[in-house]
Amino acid sequence: MCQDYGEASFYAVYDGHNGLDAAVYSSMYLHQFLVQSVHYPTNPEYALYESFFATDRGFTQKTEKYVSLI
């Protein structure tokens, strides 16, 4: 459950260096993982660290599912 800390802005550039699908997935989920972190907003650096890993893990799991179908 997320606690409401008021308004916040999140700006990001998703360059798709790992493909368009990675950029789209990141744009949909990175900010959600960030605010779900127990370290947000008190330790934003670590919350971002966690959210990058959560995003990577989620995208990897998603792509592995599709690769196994090929």
N, C-alpha and C. Protein backbone atom coordinates (compact mmCIF):
# COMPACT_ATOMS: atom_id res chain seq x y z
N MET A 1 0.85 -1.17 0.00
CA MET A 1 0.00 0.00 0.00
C MET A 1 0.90 1.24 0.00
N CYS A 2 0.59 2.19 -0.86
CA CYS A 2 1.36 3.42 -0.96
C CYS A 2 0.75 4.50 -0.08
N GLN A 3 1.60 5.20 0.62
CA GLN A 3 1.15 6.34 1.41
C GLN A 3 1.19 7.57 0.53
N ASP A 4 0.22 8.44 0.68
CA ASP A 4 0.16 9.66 -0.12
C ASP A 4 1.06 10.71 0.52
N TYR A 5 2.12 11.09 -0.19
CA TYR A 5 3.04 12.13 0.28
C TYR A 5 2.81 13.44 -0.45
N GLY A 6 1.71 13.53 -1.15
CA GLY A 6 1.42 14.75 -1.90
C GLY A 6 1.89 14.62 -3.34
N GLU A 7 1.87 15.73 -4.02
CA GLU A 7 2.24 15.74 -5.43
C GLU A 7 3.74 15.57 -5.60
N ALA A 8 4.10 14.91 -6.67
CA ALA A 8 5.51 14.73 -7.03
C ALA A 8 5.60 14.69 -8.55
N SER A 9 6.73 15.05 -9.07
CA SER A 9 6.96 14.99 -10.51
C SER A 9 8.03 13.95 -10.80
N PHE A 10 7.86 13.24 -11.89
CA PHE A 10 8.81 12.21 -12.30
C PHE A 10 9.11 12.45 -13.77
N TYR A 11 10.36 12.74 -14.08
CA TYR A 11 10.78 12.99 -15.45
C TYR A 11 11.82 11.94 -15.82
N ALA A 12 11.66 11.37 -17.00
CA ALA A 12 12.60 10.34 -17.44
C ALA A 12 12.69 10.32 -18.95
N VAL A 13 13.82 9.86 -19.43
CA VAL A 13 14.02 9.64 -20.86
C VAL A 13 14.29 8.15 -21.03
N TYR A 14 13.45 7.52 -21.80
CA TYR A 14 13.59 6.08 -22.05
C TYR A 14 14.13 5.94 -23.47
N ASP A 15 15.43 5.67 -23.57
CA ASP A 15 16.08 5.69 -24.88
C ASP A 15 15.93 4.40 -25.66
N GLY A 16 15.49 3.34 -25.04
CA GLY A 16 15.28 2.10 -25.76
C GLY A 16 16.55 1.43 -26.21
N HIS A 17 17.66 1.67 -25.50
CA HIS A 17 18.93 1.05 -25.91
C HIS A 17 18.86 -0.47 -25.85
N ASN A 18 17.88 -0.99 -25.13
CA ASN A 18 17.67 -2.44 -25.10
C ASN A 18 16.43 -2.79 -25.92
N GLY A 19 16.06 -1.90 -26.83
CA GLY A 19 14.91 -2.12 -27.70
C GLY A 19 13.70 -1.30 -27.27
N LEU A 20 12.81 -1.12 -28.19
CA LEU A 20 11.61 -0.33 -27.95
C LEU A 20 10.76 -0.93 -26.83
N ASP A 21 10.65 -2.25 -26.79
CA ASP A 21 9.85 -2.89 -25.76
C ASP A 21 10.36 -2.58 -24.36
N ALA A 22 11.67 -2.52 -24.20
CA ALA A 22 12.25 -2.19 -22.89
C ALA A 22 11.90 -0.76 -22.49
N ALA A 23 11.94 0.15 -23.44
CA ALA A 23 11.60 1.55 -23.16
C ALA A 23 10.13 1.69 -22.78
N VAL A 24 9.26 1.00 -23.50
CA VAL A 24 7.83 1.07 -23.21
C VAL A 24 7.54 0.46 -21.84
N TYR A 25 8.11 -0.71 -21.56
CA TYR A 25 7.90 -1.36 -20.27
C TYR A 25 8.38 -0.44 -19.13
N SER A 26 9.56 0.14 -19.30
CA SER A 26 10.10 1.03 -18.27
C SER A 26 9.22 2.24 -18.05
N SER A 27 8.71 2.81 -19.13
CA SER A 27 7.86 4.00 -19.00
C SER A 27 6.55 3.67 -18.29
N MET A 28 6.13 2.41 -18.36
CA MET A 28 4.88 2.02 -17.71
C MET A 28 5.07 1.66 -16.24
N TYR A 29 6.24 1.13 -15.87
CA TYR A 29 6.38 0.55 -14.54
C TYR A 29 7.43 1.18 -13.63
N LEU A 30 8.44 1.82 -14.16
CA LEU A 30 9.53 2.34 -13.31
C LEU A 30 9.01 3.25 -12.21
N HIS A 31 8.17 4.20 -12.54
CA HIS A 31 7.66 5.14 -11.54
C HIS A 31 6.78 4.44 -10.51
N GLN A 32 6.07 3.39 -10.93
CA GLN A 32 5.25 2.64 -9.97
C GLN A 32 6.12 1.90 -8.96
N PHE A 33 7.18 1.25 -9.46
CA PHE A 33 8.10 0.57 -8.56
C PHE A 33 8.77 1.56 -7.61
N LEU A 34 9.03 2.76 -8.10
CA LEU A 34 9.67 3.78 -7.27
C LEU A 34 8.80 4.14 -6.07
N VAL A 35 7.55 4.47 -6.30
CA VAL A 35 6.68 4.89 -5.19
C VAL A 35 6.27 3.73 -4.30
N GLN A 36 6.39 2.49 -4.79
CA GLN A 36 6.08 1.32 -3.97
C GLN A 36 7.23 0.94 -3.05
N SER A 37 8.40 1.49 -3.27
CA SER A 37 9.56 1.18 -2.45
C SER A 37 9.36 1.68 -1.02
N VAL A 38 9.75 0.87 -0.05
CA VAL A 38 9.65 1.30 1.35
C VAL A 38 10.62 2.45 1.64
N HIS A 39 11.55 2.68 0.73
CA HIS A 39 12.54 3.75 0.91
C HIS A 39 12.10 5.08 0.31
N TYR A 40 10.94 5.08 -0.33
CA TYR A 40 10.43 6.31 -0.93
C TYR A 40 9.48 6.99 0.04
N PRO A 41 9.57 8.27 0.29
CA PRO A 41 10.47 9.27 -0.27
C PRO A 41 11.67 9.58 0.64
N THR A 42 11.83 8.85 1.73
CA THR A 42 12.87 9.20 2.69
C THR A 42 14.29 8.97 2.17
N ASN A 43 14.46 7.99 1.30
CA ASN A 43 15.78 7.69 0.74
C ASN A 43 15.60 7.50 -0.77
N PRO A 44 15.44 8.60 -1.51
CA PRO A 44 15.13 8.48 -2.94
C PRO A 44 16.21 7.79 -3.75
N GLU A 45 17.46 7.94 -3.34
CA GLU A 45 18.55 7.29 -4.09
C GLU A 45 18.39 5.76 -4.04
N TYR A 46 18.15 5.23 -2.86
CA TYR A 46 17.99 3.78 -2.74
C TYR A 46 16.67 3.32 -3.35
N ALA A 47 15.63 4.14 -3.24
CA ALA A 47 14.35 3.80 -3.85
C ALA A 47 14.49 3.69 -5.37
N LEU A 48 15.25 4.60 -5.98
CA LEU A 48 15.52 4.51 -7.42
C LEU A 48 16.32 3.25 -7.74
N TYR A 49 17.33 2.97 -6.93
CA TYR A 49 18.14 1.77 -7.11
C TYR A 49 17.25 0.53 -7.15
N GLU A 50 16.36 0.42 -6.16
CA GLU A 50 15.43 -0.71 -6.10
C GLU A 50 14.49 -0.74 -7.30
N SER A 51 13.99 0.41 -7.70
CA SER A 51 13.02 0.44 -8.79
C SER A 51 13.66 0.07 -10.13
N PHE A 52 14.93 0.44 -10.33
CA PHE A 52 15.63 0.03 -11.55
C PHE A 52 15.78 -1.48 -11.60
N PHE A 53 16.14 -2.08 -10.48
CA PHE A 53 16.29 -3.53 -10.44
C PHE A 53 14.94 -4.23 -10.61
N ALA A 54 13.88 -3.70 -9.99
CA ALA A 54 12.55 -4.29 -10.12
C ALA A 54 12.07 -4.21 -11.57
N THR A 55 12.33 -3.09 -12.22
CA THR A 55 11.95 -2.92 -13.61
C THR A 55 12.71 -3.89 -14.50
N ASP A 56 14.00 -4.00 -14.28
CA ASP A 56 14.82 -4.93 -15.06
C ASP A 56 14.36 -6.37 -14.86
N ARG A 57 14.10 -6.73 -13.62
CA ARG A 57 13.65 -8.09 -13.32
C ARG A 57 12.30 -8.38 -13.98
N GLY A 58 11.38 -7.43 -13.89
CA GLY A 58 10.06 -7.62 -14.51
C GLY A 58 10.14 -7.73 -16.02
N PHE A 59 10.96 -6.89 -16.65
CA PHE A 59 11.09 -6.96 -18.10
C PHE A 59 11.77 -8.25 -18.52
N THR A 60 12.77 -8.67 -17.79
CA THR A 60 13.47 -9.92 -18.10
C THR A 60 12.51 -11.11 -18.00
N GLN A 61 11.70 -11.14 -16.96
CA GLN A 61 10.73 -12.23 -16.82
C GLN A 61 9.72 -12.22 -17.96
N LYS A 62 9.29 -11.04 -18.34
CA LYS A 62 8.33 -10.93 -19.44
C LYS A 62 8.94 -11.43 -20.74
N THR A 63 10.16 -11.03 -21.04
CA THR A 63 10.77 -11.44 -22.30
C THR A 63 11.14 -12.92 -22.29
N GLU A 64 11.53 -13.46 -21.15
CA GLU A 64 11.86 -14.89 -21.09
C GLU A 64 10.63 -15.73 -21.40
N LYS A 65 9.46 -15.26 -20.99
CA LYS A 65 8.22 -15.98 -21.26
C LYS A 65 7.99 -16.08 -22.77
N TYR A 66 8.22 -14.97 -23.49
CA TYR A 66 8.01 -14.97 -24.92
C TYR A 66 9.10 -15.72 -25.67
N VAL A 67 10.32 -15.65 -25.20
CA VAL A 67 11.42 -16.36 -25.86
C VAL A 67 11.21 -17.86 -25.77
N SER A 68 10.68 -18.33 -24.64
CA SER A 68 10.45 -19.76 -24.49
C SER A 68 9.37 -20.28 -25.44
N LEU A 69 8.54 -19.41 -25.98
CA LEU A 69 7.50 -19.81 -26.92
C LEU A 69 8.03 -19.97 -28.34
N ILE A 70 9.20 -19.43 -28.59
CA ILE A 70 9.77 -19.48 -29.95
C ILE A 70 10.44 -20.81 -30.22
